[in-house]
C-alpha atoms as a PDB file:
ATOM      1  CA  UNK A   1     -75.617  85.151 -44.723  1.00  0.00           C
ATOM      2  CA  UNK A   2     -78.213  86.225 -42.173  1.00  0.00           C
ATOM      3  CA  UNK A   3     -76.808  83.724 -39.609  1.00  0.00           C
ATOM      4  CA  UNK A   4     -73.415  85.500 -39.489  1.00  0.00           C
ATOM      5  CA  UNK A   5     -73.544  87.061 -36.068  1.00  0.00           C
ATOM      6  CA  UNK A   6     -70.355  89.163 -36.211  1.00  0.00           C
ATOM      7  CA  UNK A   7     -71.447  92.830 -36.025  1.00  0.00           C
ATOM      8  CA  UNK A   8     -68.618  93.806 -38.308  1.00  0.00           C
ATOM      9  CA  UNK A   9     -70.148  91.807 -41.174  1.00  0.00           C
ATOM     10  CA  UNK A  10     -73.906  91.616 -40.471  1.00  0.00           C
ATOM     11  CA  UNK A  11     -75.676  92.171 -43.736  1.00  0.00           C
ATOM     12  CA  UNK A  12     -72.569  93.404 -45.461  1.00  0.00           C
ATOM     13  CA  UNK A  13     -71.214  93.136 -48.945  1.00  0.00           C
ATOM     14  CA  UNK A  14     -67.437  92.556 -48.764  1.00  0.00           C
ATOM     15  CA  UNK A  15     -65.193  92.650 -51.812  1.00  0.00           C
ATOM     16  CA  UNK A  16     -62.296  90.316 -51.603  1.00  0.00           C
ATOM     17  CA  UNK A  17     -59.320  92.282 -53.002  1.00  0.00           C
ATOM     18  CA  UNK A  18     -56.421  89.738 -52.428  1.00  0.00           C
ATOM     19  CA  UNK A  19     -56.481  86.113 -51.462  1.00  0.00           C
ATOM     20  CA  UNK A  20     -53.549  83.633 -51.291  1.00  0.00           C
ATOM     21  CA  UNK A  21     -53.267  80.332 -49.346  1.00  0.00           C
ATOM     22  CA  UNK A  22     -50.065  81.590 -47.735  1.00  0.00           C
ATOM     23  CA  UNK A  23     -51.215  85.052 -46.649  1.00  0.00           C
ATOM     24  CA  UNK A  24     -54.950  84.684 -46.271  1.00  0.00           C
ATOM     25  CA  UNK A  25     -57.452  87.277 -47.576  1.00  0.00           C
ATOM     26  CA  UNK A  26     -58.009  90.986 -47.601  1.00  0.00           C
ATOM     27  CA  UNK A  27     -61.260  92.632 -48.398  1.00  0.00           C
ATOM     28  CA  UNK A  28     -63.251  95.847 -48.249  1.00  0.00           C
ATOM     29  CA  UNK A  29     -66.778  96.128 -46.790  1.00  0.00           C
ATOM     30  CA  UNK A  30     -68.756  98.151 -49.259  1.00  0.00           C
ATOM     31  CA  UNK A  31     -72.087  99.009 -47.643  1.00  0.00           C
ATOM     32  CA  UNK A  32     -71.385 100.456 -44.181  1.00  0.00           C
ATOM     33  CA  UNK A  33     -71.345 104.246 -44.476  1.00  0.00           C
ATOM     34  CA  UNK A  34     -69.911 106.192 -41.577  1.00  0.00           C
ATOM     35  CA  UNK A  35     -71.093 109.606 -40.381  1.00  0.00           C
ATOM     36  CA  UNK A  36     -67.907 111.085 -41.940  1.00  0.00           C
ATOM     37  CA  UNK A  37     -68.074 112.937 -45.337  1.00  0.00           C
ATOM     38  CA  UNK A  38     -65.179 113.253 -47.775  1.00  0.00           C
ATOM     39  CA  UNK A  39     -65.142 117.007 -47.055  1.00  0.00           C
ATOM     40  CA  UNK A  40     -64.379 116.293 -43.340  1.00  0.00           C
ATOM     41  CA  UNK A  41     -61.714 113.723 -44.305  1.00  0.00           C
ATOM     42  CA  UNK A  42     -60.047 115.998 -46.796  1.00  0.00           C
ATOM     43  CA  UNK A  43     -59.960 118.847 -44.283  1.00  0.00           C
ATOM     44  CA  UNK A  44     -58.326 116.498 -41.754  1.00  0.00           C
ATOM     45  CA  UNK A  45     -55.737 115.584 -44.359  1.00  0.00           C
ATOM     46  CA  UNK A  46     -55.094 119.327 -45.260  1.00  0.00           C
ATOM     47  CA  UNK A  47     -56.398 118.772 -48.820  1.00  0.00           C
ATOM     48  CA  UNK A  48     -58.262 121.738 -50.259  1.00  0.00           C
ATOM     49  CA  UNK A  49     -61.299 120.638 -52.304  1.00  0.00           C
ATOM     50  CA  UNK A  50     -63.001 122.553 -55.054  1.00  0.00           C
ATOM     51  CA  UNK A  51     -65.247 119.581 -55.966  1.00  0.00           C
ATOM     52  CA  UNK A  52     -68.861 119.638 -54.693  1.00  0.00           C
ATOM     53  CA  UNK A  53     -69.215 116.002 -55.739  1.00  0.00           C
ATOM     54  CA  UNK A  54     -66.055 114.829 -53.786  1.00  0.00           C
ATOM     55  CA  UNK A  55     -67.049 116.958 -50.734  1.00  0.00           C
ATOM     56  CA  UNK A  56     -70.482 115.313 -50.406  1.00  0.00           C
ATOM     57  CA  UNK A  57     -69.186 111.735 -50.958  1.00  0.00           C
ATOM     58  CA  UNK A  58     -69.684 109.467 -47.882  1.00  0.00           C
ATOM     59  CA  UNK A  59     -66.824 107.674 -46.260  1.00  0.00           C
ATOM     60  CA  UNK A  60     -67.442 103.962 -45.644  1.00  0.00           C
ATOM     61  CA  UNK A  61     -66.165 101.583 -42.876  1.00  0.00           C
ATOM     62  CA  UNK A  62     -64.146  99.158 -44.895  1.00  0.00           C
ATOM     63  CA  UNK A  63     -63.736  96.674 -42.103  1.00  0.00           C
ATOM     64  CA  UNK A  64     -62.665  96.305 -38.515  1.00  0.00           C
ATOM     65  CA  UNK A  65     -58.861  96.222 -39.121  1.00  0.00           C
ATOM     66  CA  UNK A  66     -56.700  99.412 -39.238  1.00  0.00           C
ATOM     67  CA  UNK A  67     -59.621 101.740 -39.209  1.00  0.00           C
ATOM     68  CA  UNK A  68     -57.260 104.748 -39.260  1.00  0.00           C
ATOM     69  CA  UNK A  69     -55.992 103.636 -42.720  1.00  0.00           C
ATOM     70  CA  UNK A  70     -57.824 104.865 -45.815  1.00  0.00           C
ATOM     71  CA  UNK A  71     -58.356 103.312 -49.170  1.00  0.00           C
ATOM     72  CA  UNK A  72     -60.043 104.375 -52.382  1.00  0.00           C
ATOM     73  CA  UNK A  73     -61.750 101.591 -54.298  1.00  0.00           C
ATOM     74  CA  UNK A  74     -62.103 102.851 -57.866  1.00  0.00           C
ATOM     75  CA  UNK A  75     -62.622 102.226 -61.439  1.00  0.00           C
ATOM     76  CA  UNK A  76     -60.228 103.214 -64.237  1.00  0.00           C
ATOM     77  CA  UNK A  77     -56.493 103.061 -64.353  1.00  0.00           C
ATOM     78  CA  UNK A  78     -53.733 102.595 -61.808  1.00  0.00           C
ATOM     79  CA  UNK A  79     -51.981 105.842 -62.352  1.00  0.00           C
ATOM     80  CA  UNK A  80     -51.666 106.605 -58.593  1.00  0.00           C
ATOM     81  CA  UNK A  81     -48.578 106.110 -56.394  1.00  0.00           C
ATOM     82  CA  UNK A  82     -49.870 103.166 -54.332  1.00  0.00           C
ATOM     83  CA  UNK A  83     -52.423 101.116 -56.290  1.00  0.00           C
ATOM     84  CA  UNK A  84     -53.280  97.448 -56.338  1.00  0.00           C
ATOM     85  CA  UNK A  85     -55.097  95.994 -59.367  1.00  0.00           C
ATOM     86  CA  UNK A  86     -58.042  93.837 -58.340  1.00  0.00           C
ATOM     87  CA  UNK A  87     -59.446  93.319 -61.894  1.00  0.00           C
ATOM     88  CA  UNK A  88     -58.514  95.075 -65.150  1.00  0.00           C
ATOM     89  CA  UNK A  89     -61.300  97.592 -64.406  1.00  0.00           C
ATOM     90  CA  UNK A  90     -61.124  97.785 -60.562  1.00  0.00           C
ATOM     91  CA  UNK A  91     -58.270  99.093 -58.394  1.00  0.00           C
ATOM     92  CA  UNK A  92     -57.535  99.774 -54.691  1.00  0.00           C
ATOM     93  CA  UNK A  93     -55.321 102.886 -53.982  1.00  0.00           C
ATOM     94  CA  UNK A  94     -53.989 104.019 -50.565  1.00  0.00           C
ATOM     95  CA  UNK A  95     -51.934 107.065 -51.521  1.00  0.00           C
ATOM     96  CA  UNK A  96     -52.892 110.732 -51.043  1.00  0.00           C
ATOM     97  CA  UNK A  97     -52.457 111.689 -54.666  1.00  0.00           C
ATOM     98  CA  UNK A  98     -55.805 110.085 -55.598  1.00  0.00           C
ATOM     99  CA  UNK A  99     -57.568 112.189 -52.893  1.00  0.00           C
ATOM    100  CA  UNK A 100     -55.925 115.306 -54.163  1.00  0.00           C
ATOM    101  CA  UNK A 101     -57.101 114.446 -57.687  1.00  0.00           C
ATOM    102  CA  UNK A 102     -60.613 113.745 -56.513  1.00  0.00           C
ATOM    103  CA  UNK A 103     -60.653 117.028 -54.693  1.00  0.00           C
ATOM    104  CA  UNK A 104     -60.034 118.891 -57.961  1.00  0.00           C
ATOM    105  CA  UNK A 105     -62.319 116.704 -60.109  1.00  0.00           C
ATOM    106  CA  UNK A 106     -59.454 114.756 -61.771  1.00  0.00           C
ATOM    107  CA  UNK A 107     -60.031 111.543 -59.936  1.00  0.00           C
ATOM    108  CA  UNK A 108     -61.383 108.226 -61.234  1.00  0.00           C
ATOM    109  CA  UNK A 109     -64.901 108.043 -62.718  1.00  0.00           C
ATOM    110  CA  UNK A 110     -66.270 105.831 -59.881  1.00  0.00           C
ATOM    111  CA  UNK A 111     -64.837 105.673 -56.368  1.00  0.00           C
ATOM    112  CA  UNK A 112     -65.571 104.723 -52.795  1.00  0.00           C
ATOM    113  CA  UNK A 113     -63.600 106.104 -49.915  1.00  0.00           C
ATOM    114  CA  UNK A 114     -63.166 103.583 -47.082  1.00  0.00           C
ATOM    115  CA  UNK A 115     -61.504 103.477 -43.659  1.00  0.00           C
ATOM    116  CA  UNK A 116     -60.085 100.089 -42.643  1.00  0.00           C
ATOM    117  CA  UNK A 117     -60.286  96.697 -44.166  1.00  0.00           C
ATOM    118  CA  UNK A 118     -61.326  93.176 -43.416  1.00  0.00           C
ATOM    119  CA  UNK A 119     -58.643  90.475 -43.051  1.00  0.00           C
ATOM    120  CA  UNK A 120     -58.639  86.703 -42.711  1.00  0.00           C
ATOM    121  CA  UNK A 121     -55.788  84.335 -41.686  1.00  0.00           C
ATOM    122  CA  UNK A 122     -54.821  81.552 -44.056  1.00  0.00           C
ATOM    123  CA  UNK A 123     -57.664  79.134 -44.378  1.00  0.00           C
ATOM    124  CA  UNK A 124     -60.068  81.222 -42.305  1.00  0.00           C
ATOM    125  CA  UNK A 125     -62.240  82.579 -45.133  1.00  0.00           C
ATOM    126  CA  UNK A 126     -62.418  79.174 -46.753  1.00  0.00           C
ATOM    127  CA  UNK A 127     -63.698  77.666 -43.412  1.00  0.00           C
ATOM    128  CA  UNK A 128     -66.302  80.436 -43.150  1.00  0.00           C
ATOM    129  CA  UNK A 129     -67.525  79.865 -46.660  1.00  0.00           C
ATOM    130  CA  UNK A 130     -67.675  76.090 -45.960  1.00  0.00           C
ATOM    131  CA  UNK A 131     -69.718  76.814 -42.840  1.00  0.00           C
ATOM    132  CA  UNK A 132     -72.188  78.744 -45.048  1.00  0.00           C
ATOM    133  CA  UNK A 133     -71.407  82.069 -43.459  1.00  0.00           C
ATOM    134  CA  UNK A 134     -70.956  83.782 -46.802  1.00  0.00           C
ATOM    135  CA  UNK A 135     -72.589  83.728 -50.185  1.00  0.00           C
ATOM    136  CA  UNK A 136     -70.105  84.377 -53.020  1.00  0.00           C
ATOM    137  CA  UNK A 137     -70.526  86.001 -56.452  1.00  0.00           C
ATOM    138  CA  UNK A 138     -68.365  87.631 -59.093  1.00  0.00           C
ATOM    139  CA  UNK A 139     -67.609  91.265 -58.973  1.00  0.00           C
ATOM    140  CA  UNK A 140     -70.425  93.450 -60.412  1.00  0.00           C
ATOM    141  CA  UNK A 141     -69.491  97.136 -60.940  1.00  0.00           C
ATOM    142  CA  UNK A 142     -73.163  98.169 -60.854  1.00  0.00           C
ATOM    143  CA  UNK A 143     -73.610  96.712 -57.383  1.00  0.00           C
ATOM    144  CA  UNK A 144     -70.410  98.421 -56.079  1.00  0.00           C
ATOM    145  CA  UNK A 145     -70.742 101.856 -57.675  1.00  0.00           C
ATOM    146  CA  UNK A 146     -74.400 102.344 -58.645  1.00  0.00           C
ATOM    147  CA  UNK A 147     -76.470 100.646 -55.990  1.00  0.00           C
ATOM    148  CA  UNK A 148     -77.083 102.633 -52.816  1.00  0.00           C
ATOM    149  CA  UNK A 149     -75.350 101.147 -49.814  1.00  0.00           C
ATOM    150  CA  UNK A 150     -78.584 100.391 -47.957  1.00  0.00           C
ATOM    151  CA  UNK A 151     -79.831  98.333 -51.020  1.00  0.00           C
ATOM    152  CA  UNK A 152     -76.608  96.416 -51.772  1.00  0.00           C
ATOM    153  CA  UNK A 153     -77.197  93.394 -49.554  1.00  0.00           C
ATOM    154  CA  UNK A 154     -80.701  92.617 -50.891  1.00  0.00           C
ATOM    155  CA  UNK A 155     -79.620  93.490 -54.473  1.00  0.00           C
ATOM    156  CA  UNK A 156     -76.693  91.049 -54.306  1.00  0.00           C
ATOM    157  CA  UNK A 157     -79.025  88.300 -53.206  1.00  0.00           C
ATOM    158  CA  UNK A 158     -81.405  89.121 -55.978  1.00  0.00           C
ATOM    159  CA  UNK A 159     -78.527  88.976 -58.478  1.00  0.00           C
ATOM    160  CA  UNK A 160     -77.952  85.444 -57.236  1.00  0.00           C
ATOM    161  CA  UNK A 161     -81.687  84.599 -57.485  1.00  0.00           C
ATOM    162  CA  UNK A 162     -82.148  84.536 -53.614  1.00  0.00           C
ATOM    163  CA  UNK A 163     -84.460  86.591 -51.450  1.00  0.00           C
ATOM    164  CA  UNK A 164     -82.164  87.029 -48.438  1.00  0.00           C
ATOM    165  CA  UNK A 165     -85.149  88.074 -46.291  1.00  0.00           C
ATOM    166  CA  UNK A 166     -86.572  84.612 -46.607  1.00  0.00           C
ATOM    167  CA  UNK A 167     -83.474  82.835 -45.250  1.00  0.00           C
ATOM    168  CA  UNK A 168     -83.640  81.721 -41.721  1.00  0.00           C
ATOM    169  CA  UNK A 169     -80.827  82.829 -39.428  1.00  0.00           C
ATOM    170  CA  UNK A 170     -80.729  79.451 -37.624  1.00  0.00           C
ATOM    171  CA  UNK A 171     -80.990  75.862 -38.853  1.00  0.00           C
ATOM    172  CA  UNK A 172     -84.202  73.983 -38.534  1.00  0.00           C
ATOM    173  CA  UNK A 173     -84.759  70.582 -36.926  1.00  0.00           C
ATOM    174  CA  UNK A 174     -86.922  67.798 -38.118  1.00  0.00           C
END
């Protein structure tokens, strides 16, 4: 929501990957590109890439926690060493084998490379939603993988039937 003043989440789209009452929630911010390309990341990891598409792919800031830890949010199967299934079509992988596959054009059909993640303590996300800090919607692959990052926030609002530019960032008083 526009009133959320946390700079880590201002005008972001955040995909909740895991949520339990005991452990809290873990998510990935989807629309915050960094100035790092996949080519630079692969070079740092000593992974040779023959893939022009992989090399040009942007790397995103997935959230403020453990920003030195990388994840691949992707479509397709869970054939990689360290993969968590989010939905039957969506997975989150944190092992190098997926990057090696992407570098040789054998990776998943759609993928986002992210550094870091967002995390909430038990009950914290629920409290933020109750305080109207977040709008929620079902996962939409076209939003995650086909919509440019700079358009995702407005597009998500449009998918909900809301023009986010018309929402006030502070409550009115009568």
